[in-house]
Amino acid sequence: MLGGQSNGPNSVRADKGIECLVSAGEGIREVQGRSSRAMRDVKHQDLIAERKKSAAYRQEIEELRAKVANLASINEVLLDENRVLKTKLSDRKVVDLDSRKPNG
């Protein structure tokens, strides 16, 4: 029955015709080596594989963001040290003491 309606014997024939077409289509796909179930299973396995890849990429992104944050922190410290050193170099009152041990 199409659409849940019954139109007598013609509707029964139409339903059987549709079932026959579906079965024929499935038979053709099976002969070609791609039944609906096999195709569905392959797509499901592909989906699972893609989800695993996606999870791995999300993990990698999280790790890389942590590294970027760490490097940004180090960079800020180095920039601050550079500002201090440049200020000392430009000030005539600051004298650099040689901290190396004398030879001998």
PDB file of N, CA and C in Angstrom:
ATOM      1  N   MET A   1       0.835  -1.178   0.000  1.00  0.00           N
ATOM      2  CA  MET A   1       0.000   0.000   0.000  1.00  0.00           C
ATOM      3  C   MET A   1       0.877   1.237   0.000  1.00  0.00           C
ATOM      4  N   LEU A   2       0.637   2.100  -0.898  1.00  0.00           N
ATOM      5  CA  LEU A   2       1.351   3.355  -0.963  1.00  0.00           C
ATOM      6  C   LEU A   2       0.644   4.388  -0.116  1.00  0.00           C
ATOM      7  N   GLY A   3       1.394   5.060   0.758  1.00  0.00           N
ATOM      8  CA  GLY A   3       0.825   6.130   1.562  1.00  0.00           C
ATOM      9  C   GLY A   3      -0.215   5.652   2.541  1.00  0.00           C
ATOM     10  N   GLY A   4      -0.304   4.365   2.825  1.00  0.00           N
ATOM     11  CA  GLY A   4      -1.237   3.855   3.814  1.00  0.00           C
ATOM     12  C   GLY A   4      -2.661   3.763   3.308  1.00  0.00           C
ATOM     13  N   GLN A   5      -2.870   3.966   2.013  1.00  0.00           N
ATOM     14  CA  GLN A   5      -4.220   3.908   1.461  1.00  0.00           C
ATOM     15  C   GLN A   5      -4.386   2.609   0.702  1.00  0.00           C
ATOM     16  N   SER A   6      -5.594   2.082   0.734  1.00  0.00           N
ATOM     17  CA  SER A   6      -5.884   0.859  -0.005  1.00  0.00           C
ATOM     18  C   SER A   6      -6.901   1.189  -1.079  1.00  0.00           C
ATOM     19  N   ASN A   7      -6.546   0.914  -2.303  1.00  0.00           N
ATOM     20  CA  ASN A   7      -7.443   1.163  -3.420  1.00  0.00           C
ATOM     21  C   ASN A   7      -7.862  -0.147  -4.072  1.00  0.00           C
ATOM     22  N   GLY A   8      -7.940  -1.164  -3.282  1.00  0.00           N
ATOM     23  CA  GLY A   8      -8.402  -2.439  -3.809  1.00  0.00           C
ATOM     24  C   GLY A   8      -7.281  -3.249  -4.405  1.00  0.00           C
ATOM     25  N   PRO A   9      -7.627  -4.140  -5.367  1.00  0.00           N
ATOM     26  CA  PRO A   9      -6.639  -5.060  -5.928  1.00  0.00           C
ATOM     27  C   PRO A   9      -5.527  -4.359  -6.687  1.00  0.00           C
ATOM     28  N   ASN A  10      -5.798  -3.200  -7.258  1.00  0.00           N
ATOM     29  CA  ASN A  10      -4.743  -2.484  -7.986  1.00  0.00           C
ATOM     30  C   ASN A  10      -3.631  -2.017  -7.052  1.00  0.00           C
ATOM     31  N   SER A  11      -4.018  -1.611  -5.839  1.00  0.00           N
ATOM     32  CA  SER A  11      -3.013  -1.143  -4.893  1.00  0.00           C
ATOM     33  C   SER A  11      -2.143  -2.303  -4.441  1.00  0.00           C
ATOM     34  N   VAL A  12      -2.721  -3.497  -4.294  1.00  0.00           N
ATOM     35  CA  VAL A  12      -1.942  -4.662  -3.893  1.00  0.00           C
ATOM     36  C   VAL A  12      -0.936  -4.988  -4.987  1.00  0.00           C
ATOM     37  N   ARG A  13      -1.369  -4.905  -6.239  1.00  0.00           N
ATOM     38  CA  ARG A  13      -0.448  -5.162  -7.349  1.00  0.00           C
ATOM     39  C   ARG A  13       0.667  -4.120  -7.378  1.00  0.00           C
ATOM     40  N   ALA A  14       0.342  -2.860  -7.108  1.00  0.00           N
ATOM     41  CA  ALA A  14       1.352  -1.795  -7.103  1.00  0.00           C
ATOM     42  C   ALA A  14       2.373  -2.064  -6.004  1.00  0.00           C
ATOM     43  N   ASP A  15       1.886  -2.458  -4.814  1.00  0.00           N
ATOM     44  CA  ASP A  15       2.798  -2.760  -3.714  1.00  0.00           C
ATOM     45  C   ASP A  15       3.724  -3.906  -4.072  1.00  0.00           C
ATOM     46  N   LYS A  16       3.181  -4.945  -4.653  1.00  0.00           N
ATOM     47  CA  LYS A  16       4.004  -6.091  -5.044  1.00  0.00           C
ATOM     48  C   LYS A  16       4.999  -5.678  -6.120  1.00  0.00           C
ATOM     49  N   GLY A  17       4.584  -4.795  -7.020  1.00  0.00           N
ATOM     50  CA  GLY A  17       5.475  -4.302  -8.066  1.00  0.00           C
ATOM     51  C   GLY A  17       6.643  -3.531  -7.480  1.00  0.00           C
ATOM     52  N   ILE A  18       6.352  -2.696  -6.482  1.00  0.00           N
ATOM     53  CA  ILE A  18       7.408  -1.919  -5.825  1.00  0.00           C
ATOM     54  C   ILE A  18       8.361  -2.862  -5.100  1.00  0.00           C
ATOM     55  N   GLU A  19       7.795  -3.842  -4.393  1.00  0.00           N
ATOM     56  CA  GLU A  19       8.629  -4.818  -3.690  1.00  0.00           C
ATOM     57  C   GLU A  19       9.509  -5.566  -4.679  1.00  0.00           C
ATOM     58  N   CYS A  20       8.955  -5.900  -5.820  1.00  0.00           N
ATOM     59  CA  CYS A  20       9.704  -6.611  -6.847  1.00  0.00           C
ATOM     60  C   CYS A  20      10.853  -5.746  -7.371  1.00  0.00           C
ATOM     61  N   LEU A  21      10.590  -4.446  -7.585  1.00  0.00           N
ATOM     62  CA  LEU A  21      11.631  -3.542  -8.051  1.00  0.00           C
ATOM     63  C   LEU A  21      12.744  -3.388  -7.021  1.00  0.00           C
ATOM     64  N   VAL A  22      12.344  -3.273  -5.746  1.00  0.00           N
ATOM     65  CA  VAL A  22      13.330  -3.144  -4.679  1.00  0.00           C
ATOM     66  C   VAL A  22      14.185  -4.398  -4.624  1.00  0.00           C
ATOM     67  N   SER A  23      13.517  -5.572  -4.707  1.00  0.00           N
ATOM     68  CA  SER A  23      14.254  -6.838  -4.673  1.00  0.00           C
ATOM     69  C   SER A  23      15.163  -6.954  -5.893  1.00  0.00           C
ATOM     70  N   ALA A  24      14.682  -6.538  -7.038  1.00  0.00           N
ATOM     71  CA  ALA A  24      15.488  -6.600  -8.254  1.00  0.00           C
ATOM     72  C   ALA A  24      16.696  -5.683  -8.134  1.00  0.00           C
ATOM     73  N   GLY A  25      16.469  -4.491  -7.606  1.00  0.00           N
ATOM     74  CA  GLY A  25      17.575  -3.546  -7.421  1.00  0.00           C
ATOM     75  C   GLY A  25      18.606  -4.099  -6.465  1.00  0.00           C
ATOM     76  N   GLU A  26      18.147  -4.701  -5.388  1.00  0.00           N
ATOM     77  CA  GLU A  26      19.057  -5.303  -4.415  1.00  0.00           C
ATOM     78  C   GLU A  26      19.823  -6.455  -5.053  1.00  0.00           C
ATOM     79  N   GLY A  27      19.123  -7.240  -5.854  1.00  0.00           N
ATOM     80  CA  GLY A  27      19.778  -8.350  -6.547  1.00  0.00           C
ATOM     81  C   GLY A  27      20.865  -7.858  -7.491  1.00  0.00           C
ATOM     82  N   ILE A  28      20.594  -6.798  -8.212  1.00  0.00           N
ATOM     83  CA  ILE A  28      21.587  -6.221  -9.135  1.00  0.00           C
ATOM     84  C   ILE A  28      22.798  -5.727  -8.347  1.00  0.00           C
ATOM     85  N   ARG A  29      22.535  -5.029  -7.236  1.00  0.00           N
ATOM     86  CA  ARG A  29      23.646  -4.525  -6.422  1.00  0.00           C
ATOM     87  C   ARG A  29      24.484  -5.677  -5.867  1.00  0.00           C
ATOM     88  N   GLU A  30      23.832  -6.758  -5.448  1.00  0.00           N
ATOM     89  CA  GLU A  30      24.569  -7.902  -4.930  1.00  0.00           C
ATOM     90  C   GLU A  30      25.440  -8.517  -6.011  1.00  0.00           C
ATOM     91  N   VAL A  31      24.894  -8.636  -7.227  1.00  0.00           N
ATOM     92  CA  VAL A  31      25.663  -9.193  -8.335  1.00  0.00           C
ATOM     93  C   VAL A  31      26.880  -8.319  -8.613  1.00  0.00           C
ATOM     94  N   GLN A  32      26.710  -7.014  -8.500  1.00  0.00           N
ATOM     95  CA  GLN A  32      27.811  -6.083  -8.738  1.00  0.00           C
ATOM     96  C   GLN A  32      28.745  -6.003  -7.534  1.00  0.00           C
ATOM     97  N   GLY A  33      28.405  -6.710  -6.487  1.00  0.00           N
ATOM     98  CA  GLY A  33      29.272  -6.730  -5.304  1.00  0.00           C
ATOM     99  C   GLY A  33      29.082  -5.558  -4.378  1.00  0.00           C
ATOM    100  N   ARG A  34      27.945  -4.939  -4.401  1.00  0.00           N
ATOM    101  CA  ARG A  34      27.715  -3.798  -3.513  1.00  0.00           C
ATOM    102  C   ARG A  34      26.279  -3.805  -3.008  1.00  0.00           C
ATOM    103  N   SER A  35      25.986  -4.756  -2.164  1.00  0.00           N
ATOM    104  CA  SER A  35      24.648  -4.822  -1.588  1.00  0.00           C
ATOM    105  C   SER A  35      24.428  -3.646  -0.649  1.00  0.00           C
ATOM    106  N   SER A  36      23.202  -3.351  -0.378  1.00  0.00           N
ATOM    107  CA  SER A  36      22.880  -2.218   0.503  1.00  0.00           C
ATOM    108  C   SER A  36      23.535  -2.393   1.861  1.00  0.00           C
ATOM    109  N   ARG A  37      23.478  -3.588   2.390  1.00  0.00           N
ATOM    110  CA  ARG A  37      24.061  -3.834   3.712  1.00  0.00           C
ATOM    111  C   ARG A  37      25.576  -3.660   3.663  1.00  0.00           C
ATOM    112  N   ALA A  38      26.200  -4.201   2.634  1.00  0.00           N
ATOM    113  CA  ALA A  38      27.660  -4.077   2.519  1.00  0.00           C
ATOM    114  C   ALA A  38      28.056  -2.612   2.353  1.00  0.00           C
ATOM    115  N   MET A  39      27.315  -1.892   1.522  1.00  0.00           N
ATOM    116  CA  MET A  39      27.620  -0.467   1.330  1.00  0.00           C
ATOM    117  C   MET A  39      27.429   0.294   2.633  1.00  0.00           C
ATOM    118  N   ARG A  40      26.372  -0.026   3.365  1.00  0.00           N
ATOM    119  CA  ARG A  40      26.113   0.634   4.640  1.00  0.00           C
ATOM    120  C   ARG A  40      27.240   0.331   5.623  1.00  0.00           C
ATOM    121  N   ASP A  41      27.673  -0.936   5.668  1.00  0.00           N
ATOM    122  CA  ASP A  41      28.735  -1.319   6.590  1.00  0.00           C
ATOM    123  C   ASP A  41      30.050  -0.612   6.254  1.00  0.00           C
ATOM    124  N   VAL A  42      30.341  -0.506   4.969  1.00  0.00           N
ATOM    125  CA  VAL A  42      31.560   0.184   4.551  1.00  0.00           C
ATOM    126  C   VAL A  42      31.488   1.655   4.953  1.00  0.00           C
ATOM    127  N   LYS A  43      30.358   2.276   4.706  1.00  0.00           N
ATOM    128  CA  LYS A  43      30.200   3.694   5.068  1.00  0.00           C
ATOM    129  C   LYS A  43      30.288   3.878   6.578  1.00  0.00           C
ATOM    130  N   HIS A  44      29.743   2.929   7.320  1.00  0.00           N
ATOM    131  CA  HIS A  44      29.799   3.020   8.783  1.00  0.00           C
ATOM    132  C   HIS A  44      31.251   2.899   9.258  1.00  0.00           C
ATOM    133  N   GLN A  45      32.003   1.973   8.665  1.00  0.00           N
ATOM    134  CA  GLN A  45      33.412   1.836   9.031  1.00  0.00           C
ATOM    135  C   GLN A  45      34.196   3.098   8.654  1.00  0.00           C
ATOM    136  N   ASP A  46      33.877   3.655   7.495  1.00  0.00           N
ATOM    137  CA  ASP A  46      34.522   4.913   7.096  1.00  0.00           C
ATOM    138  C   ASP A  46      34.210   6.023   8.092  1.00  0.00           C
ATOM    139  N   LEU A  47      32.964   6.084   8.539  1.00  0.00           N
ATOM    140  CA  LEU A  47      32.557   7.093   9.509  1.00  0.00           C
ATOM    141  C   LEU A  47      33.314   6.923  10.822  1.00  0.00           C
ATOM    142  N   ILE A  48      33.435   5.688  11.277  1.00  0.00           N
ATOM    143  CA  ILE A  48      34.168   5.419  12.520  1.00  0.00           C
ATOM    144  C   ILE A  48      35.627   5.852  12.369  1.00  0.00           C
ATOM    145  N   ALA A  49      36.236   5.526  11.225  1.00  0.00           N
ATOM    146  CA  ALA A  49      37.628   5.908  10.983  1.00  0.00           C
ATOM    147  C   ALA A  49      37.780   7.427  10.977  1.00  0.00           C
ATOM    148  N   GLU A  50      36.850   8.127  10.335  1.00  0.00           N
ATOM    149  CA  GLU A  50      36.919   9.589  10.284  1.00  0.00           C
ATOM    150  C   GLU A  50      36.719  10.203  11.665  1.00  0.00           C
ATOM    151  N   ARG A  51      35.871   9.600  12.463  1.00  0.00           N
ATOM    152  CA  ARG A  51      35.675  10.111  13.833  1.00  0.00           C
ATOM    153  C   ARG A  51      36.945   9.934  14.661  1.00  0.00           C
ATOM    154  N   LYS A  52      37.639   8.810  14.471  1.00  0.00           N
ATOM    155  CA  LYS A  52      38.897   8.596  15.186  1.00  0.00           C
ATOM    156  C   LYS A  52      39.941   9.616  14.746  1.00  0.00           C
ATOM    157  N   LYS A  53      40.014   9.865  13.431  1.00  0.00           N
ATOM    158  CA  LYS A  53      40.955  10.873  12.927  1.00  0.00           C
ATOM    159  C   LYS A  53      40.623  12.236  13.499  1.00  0.00           C
ATOM    160  N   SER A  54      39.338  12.548  13.527  1.00  0.00           N
ATOM    161  CA  SER A  54      38.898  13.844  14.038  1.00  0.00           C
ATOM    162  C   SER A  54      39.279  13.999  15.510  1.00  0.00           C
ATOM    163  N   ALA A  55      39.085  12.940  16.292  1.00  0.00           N
ATOM    164  CA  ALA A  55      39.453  12.987  17.714  1.00  0.00           C
ATOM    165  C   ALA A  55      40.957  13.188  17.864  1.00  0.00           C
ATOM    166  N   ALA A  56      41.744  12.508  17.026  1.00  0.00           N
ATOM    167  CA  ALA A  56      43.199  12.654  17.086  1.00  0.00           C
ATOM    168  C   ALA A  56      43.602  14.079  16.713  1.00  0.00           C
ATOM    169  N   TYR A  57      42.959  14.647  15.693  1.00  0.00           N
ATOM    170  CA  TYR A  57      43.259  16.029  15.305  1.00  0.00           C
ATOM    171  C   TYR A  57      42.890  17.003  16.421  1.00  0.00           C
ATOM    172  N   ARG A  58      41.752  16.776  17.078  1.00  0.00           N
ATOM    173  CA  ARG A  58      41.369  17.656  18.193  1.00  0.00           C
ATOM    174  C   ARG A  58      42.399  17.590  19.313  1.00  0.00           C
ATOM    175  N   GLN A  59      42.899  16.386  19.594  1.00  0.00           N
ATOM    176  CA  GLN A  59      43.921  16.215  20.627  1.00  0.00           C
ATOM    177  C   GLN A  59      45.211  16.948  20.229  1.00  0.00           C
ATOM    178  N   GLU A  60      45.597  16.803  18.969  1.00  0.00           N
ATOM    179  CA  GLU A  60      46.798  17.475  18.480  1.00  0.00           C
ATOM    180  C   GLU A  60      46.637  18.991  18.568  1.00  0.00           C
ATOM    181  N   ILE A  61      45.471  19.496  18.220  1.00  0.00           N
ATOM    182  CA  ILE A  61      45.207  20.938  18.298  1.00  0.00           C
ATOM    183  C   ILE A  61      45.333  21.411  19.738  1.00  0.00           C
ATOM    184  N   GLU A  62      44.790  20.637  20.666  1.00  0.00           N
ATOM    185  CA  GLU A  62      44.877  21.006  22.087  1.00  0.00           C
ATOM    186  C   GLU A  62      46.335  21.071  22.535  1.00  0.00           C
ATOM    187  N   GLU A  63      47.139  20.071  22.130  1.00  0.00           N
ATOM    188  CA  GLU A  63      48.551  20.059  22.497  1.00  0.00           C
ATOM    189  C   GLU A  63      49.290  21.239  21.871  1.00  0.00           C
ATOM    190  N   LEU A  64      48.995  21.533  20.622  1.00  0.00           N
ATOM    191  CA  LEU A  64      49.661  22.647  19.948  1.00  0.00           C
ATOM    192  C   LEU A  64      49.275  23.986  20.570  1.00  0.00           C
ATOM    193  N   ARG A  65      48.022  24.117  20.987  1.00  0.00           N
ATOM    194  CA  ARG A  65      47.610  25.364  21.654  1.00  0.00           C
ATOM    195  C   ARG A  65      48.356  25.545  22.962  1.00  0.00           C
ATOM    196  N   ALA A  66      48.569  24.440  23.688  1.00  0.00           N
ATOM    197  CA  ALA A  66      49.332  24.521  24.938  1.00  0.00           C
ATOM    198  C   ALA A  66      50.773  24.949  24.651  1.00  0.00           C
ATOM    199  N   LYS A  67      51.357  24.402  23.582  1.00  0.00           N
ATOM    200  CA  LYS A  67      52.721  24.795  23.217  1.00  0.00           C
ATOM    201  C   LYS A  67      52.790  26.264  22.825  1.00  0.00           C
ATOM    202  N   VAL A  68      51.801  26.721  22.070  1.00  0.00           N
ATOM    203  CA  VAL A  68      51.767  28.132  21.655  1.00  0.00           C
ATOM    204  C   VAL A  68      51.672  29.029  22.887  1.00  0.00           C
ATOM    205  N   ALA A  69      50.831  28.643  23.835  1.00  0.00           N
ATOM    206  CA  ALA A  69      50.690  29.450  25.053  1.00  0.00           C
ATOM    207  C   ALA A  69      52.011  29.503  25.809  1.00  0.00           C
ATOM    208  N   ASN A  70      52.701  28.376  25.890  1.00  0.00           N
ATOM    209  CA  ASN A  70      53.987  28.325  26.580  1.00  0.00           C
ATOM    210  C   ASN A  70      55.016  29.204  25.858  1.00  0.00           C
ATOM    211  N   LEU A  71      55.060  29.092  24.544  1.00  0.00           N
ATOM    212  CA  LEU A  71      56.006  29.904  23.769  1.00  0.00           C
ATOM    213  C   LEU A  71      55.677  31.395  23.864  1.00  0.00           C
ATOM    214  N   ALA A  72      54.401  31.723  23.910  1.00  0.00           N
ATOM    215  CA  ALA A  72      54.006  33.125  24.049  1.00  0.00           C
ATOM    216  C   ALA A  72      54.476  33.669  25.394  1.00  0.00           C
ATOM    217  N   SER A  73      54.392  32.851  26.426  1.00  0.00           N
ATOM    218  CA  SER A  73      54.843  33.265  27.751  1.00  0.00           C
ATOM    219  C   SER A  73      56.356  33.499  27.755  1.00  0.00           C
ATOM    220  N   ILE A  74      57.093  32.559  27.174  1.00  0.00           N
ATOM    221  CA  ILE A  74      58.552  32.708  27.086  1.00  0.00           C
ATOM    222  C   ILE A  74      58.899  33.956  26.276  1.00  0.00           C
ATOM    223  N   ASN A  75      58.188  34.163  25.199  1.00  0.00           N
ATOM    224  CA  ASN A  75      58.427  35.330  24.345  1.00  0.00           C
ATOM    225  C   ASN A  75      58.232  36.632  25.120  1.00  0.00           C
ATOM    226  N   GLU A  76      57.189  36.696  25.936  1.00  0.00           N
ATOM    227  CA  GLU A  76      56.939  37.903  26.726  1.00  0.00           C
ATOM    228  C   GLU A  76      58.071  38.159  27.710  1.00  0.00           C
ATOM    229  N   VAL A  77      58.578  37.107  28.324  1.00  0.00           N
ATOM    230  CA  VAL A  77      59.699  37.255  29.266  1.00  0.00           C
ATOM    231  C   VAL A  77      60.926  37.791  28.527  1.00  0.00           C
ATOM    232  N   LEU A  78      61.200  37.213  27.360  1.00  0.00           N
ATOM    233  CA  LEU A  78      62.363  37.660  26.585  1.00  0.00           C
ATOM    234  C   LEU A  78      62.204  39.103  26.105  1.00  0.00           C
ATOM    235  N   LEU A  79      61.002  39.483  25.686  1.00  0.00           N
ATOM    236  CA  LEU A  79      60.765  40.863  25.270  1.00  0.00           C
ATOM    237  C   LEU A  79      60.993  41.830  26.432  1.00  0.00           C
ATOM    238  N   ASP A  80      60.540  41.433  27.619  1.00  0.00           N
ATOM    239  CA  ASP A  80      60.736  42.276  28.798  1.00  0.00           C
ATOM    240  C   ASP A  80      62.221  42.409  29.113  1.00  0.00           C
ATOM    241  N   GLU A  81      62.971  41.296  29.037  1.00  0.00           N
ATOM    242  CA  GLU A  81      64.415  41.352  29.283  1.00  0.00           C
ATOM    243  C   GLU A  81      65.104  42.243  28.253  1.00  0.00           C
ATOM    244  N   ASN A  82      64.672  42.168  27.011  1.00  0.00           N
ATOM    245  CA  ASN A  82      65.250  43.032  25.974  1.00  0.00           C
ATOM    246  C   ASN A  82      64.998  44.503  26.274  1.00  0.00           C
ATOM    247  N   ARG A  83      63.795  44.826  26.729  1.00  0.00           N
ATOM    248  CA  ARG A  83      63.490  46.229  27.075  1.00  0.00           C
ATOM    249  C   ARG A  83      64.401  46.713  28.198  1.00  0.00           C
ATOM    250  N   VAL A  84      64.597  45.864  29.205  1.00  0.00           N
ATOM    251  CA  VAL A  84      65.466  46.239  30.328  1.00  0.00           C
ATOM    252  C   VAL A  84      66.899  46.452  29.839  1.00  0.00           C
ATOM    253  N   LEU A  85      67.391  45.539  29.028  1.00  0.00           N
ATOM    254  CA  LEU A  85      68.768  45.657  28.537  1.00  0.00           C
ATOM    255  C   LEU A  85      68.943  46.878  27.642  1.00  0.00           C
ATOM    256  N   LYS A  86      67.982  47.167  26.789  1.00  0.00           N
ATOM    257  CA  LYS A  86      68.068  48.346  25.925  1.00  0.00           C
ATOM    258  C   LYS A  86      68.062  49.621  26.754  1.00  0.00           C
ATOM    259  N   THR A  87      67.265  49.605  27.812  1.00  0.00           N
ATOM    260  CA  THR A  87      67.231  50.777  28.694  1.00  0.00           C
ATOM    261  C   THR A  87      68.582  50.966  29.365  1.00  0.00           C
ATOM    262  N   LYS A  88      69.185  49.872  29.810  1.00  0.00           N
ATOM    263  CA  LYS A  88      70.502  49.968  30.457  1.00  0.00           C
ATOM    264  C   LYS A  88      71.553  50.463  29.476  1.00  0.00           C
ATOM    265  N   LEU A  89      71.490  50.009  28.242  1.00  0.00           N
ATOM    266  CA  LEU A  89      72.472  50.435  27.239  1.00  0.00           C
ATOM    267  C   LEU A  89      72.348  51.921  26.910  1.00  0.00           C
ATOM    268  N   SER A  90      71.134  52.420  26.914  1.00  0.00           N
ATOM    269  CA  SER A  90      70.937  53.826  26.550  1.00  0.00           C
ATOM    270  C   SER A  90      71.221  54.777  27.711  1.00  0.00           C
ATOM    271  N   ASP A  91      71.323  54.265  28.918  1.00  0.00           N
ATOM    272  CA  ASP A  91      71.587  55.111  30.090  1.00  0.00           C
ATOM    273  C   ASP A  91      73.091  55.195  30.320  1.00  0.00           C
ATOM    274  N   ARG A  92      73.637  56.433  30.295  1.00  0.00           N
ATOM    275  CA  ARG A  92      75.078  56.620  30.449  1.00  0.00           C
ATOM    276  C   ARG A  92      75.538  56.328  31.876  1.00  0.00           C
ATOM    277  N   LYS A  93      74.639  56.351  32.809  1.00  0.00           N
ATOM    278  CA  LYS A  93      75.014  56.137  34.203  1.00  0.00           C
ATOM    279  C   LYS A  93      75.234  54.659  34.525  1.00  0.00           C
ATOM    280  N   VAL A  94      74.760  53.771  33.660  1.00  0.00           N
ATOM    281  CA  VAL A  94      74.891  52.330  33.900  1.00  0.00           C
ATOM    282  C   VAL A  94      76.200  51.859  33.294  1.00  0.00           C
ATOM    283  N   VAL A  95      77.015  51.191  34.117  1.00  0.00           N
ATOM    284  CA  VAL A  95      78.299  50.670  33.671  1.00  0.00           C
ATOM    285  C   VAL A  95      78.230  49.157  33.711  1.00  0.00           C
ATOM    286  N   ASP A  96      78.662  48.518  32.615  1.00  0.00           N
ATOM    287  CA  ASP A  96      78.655  47.065  32.537  1.00  0.00           C
ATOM    288  C   ASP A  96      79.902  46.532  33.215  1.00  0.00           C
ATOM    289  N   LEU A  97      79.720  45.675  34.208  1.00  0.00           N
ATOM    290  CA  LEU A  97      80.851  45.062  34.885  1.00  0.00           C
ATOM    291  C   LEU A  97      81.129  43.728  34.230  1.00  0.00           C
ATOM    292  N   ASP A  98      82.397  43.475  33.968  1.00  0.00           N
ATOM    293  CA  ASP A  98      82.762  42.211  33.355  1.00  0.00           C
ATOM    294  C   ASP A  98      82.716  41.140  34.433  1.00  0.00           C
ATOM    295  N   SER A  99      81.871  40.149  34.257  1.00  0.00           N
ATOM    296  CA  SER A  99      81.702  39.130  35.299  1.00  0.00           C
ATOM    297  C   SER A  99      82.580  37.896  35.047  1.00  0.00           C
ATOM    298  N   ARG A 100      83.412  37.944  34.020  1.00  0.00           N
ATOM    299  CA  ARG A 100      84.275  36.804  33.727  1.00  0.00           C
ATOM    300  C   ARG A 100      85.430  36.761  34.720  1.00  0.00           C
ATOM    301  N   LYS A 101      85.885  35.534  35.028  1.00  0.00           N
ATOM    302  CA  LYS A 101      87.022  35.374  35.932  1.00  0.00           C
ATOM    303  C   LYS A 101      88.307  35.711  35.152  1.00  0.00           C
ATOM    304  N   PRO A 102      89.226  36.331  35.839  1.00  0.00           N
ATOM    305  CA  PRO A 102      90.502  36.632  35.165  1.00  0.00           C
ATOM    306  C   PRO A 102      91.245  35.348  34.800  1.00  0.00           C
ATOM    307  N   ASN A 103      91.980  35.417  33.691  1.00  0.00           N
ATOM    308  CA  ASN A 103      92.760  34.258  33.263  1.00  0.00           C
ATOM    309  C   ASN A 103      93.955  34.076  34.154  1.00  0.00           C
ATOM    310  N   GLY A 104      94.207  32.845  34.566  1.00  0.00           N
ATOM    311  CA  GLY A 104      95.434  32.530  35.270  1.00  0.00           C
ATOM    312  C   GLY A 104      95.223  32.359  36.674  1.00  0.00           C
TER     313      GLY A 104
END
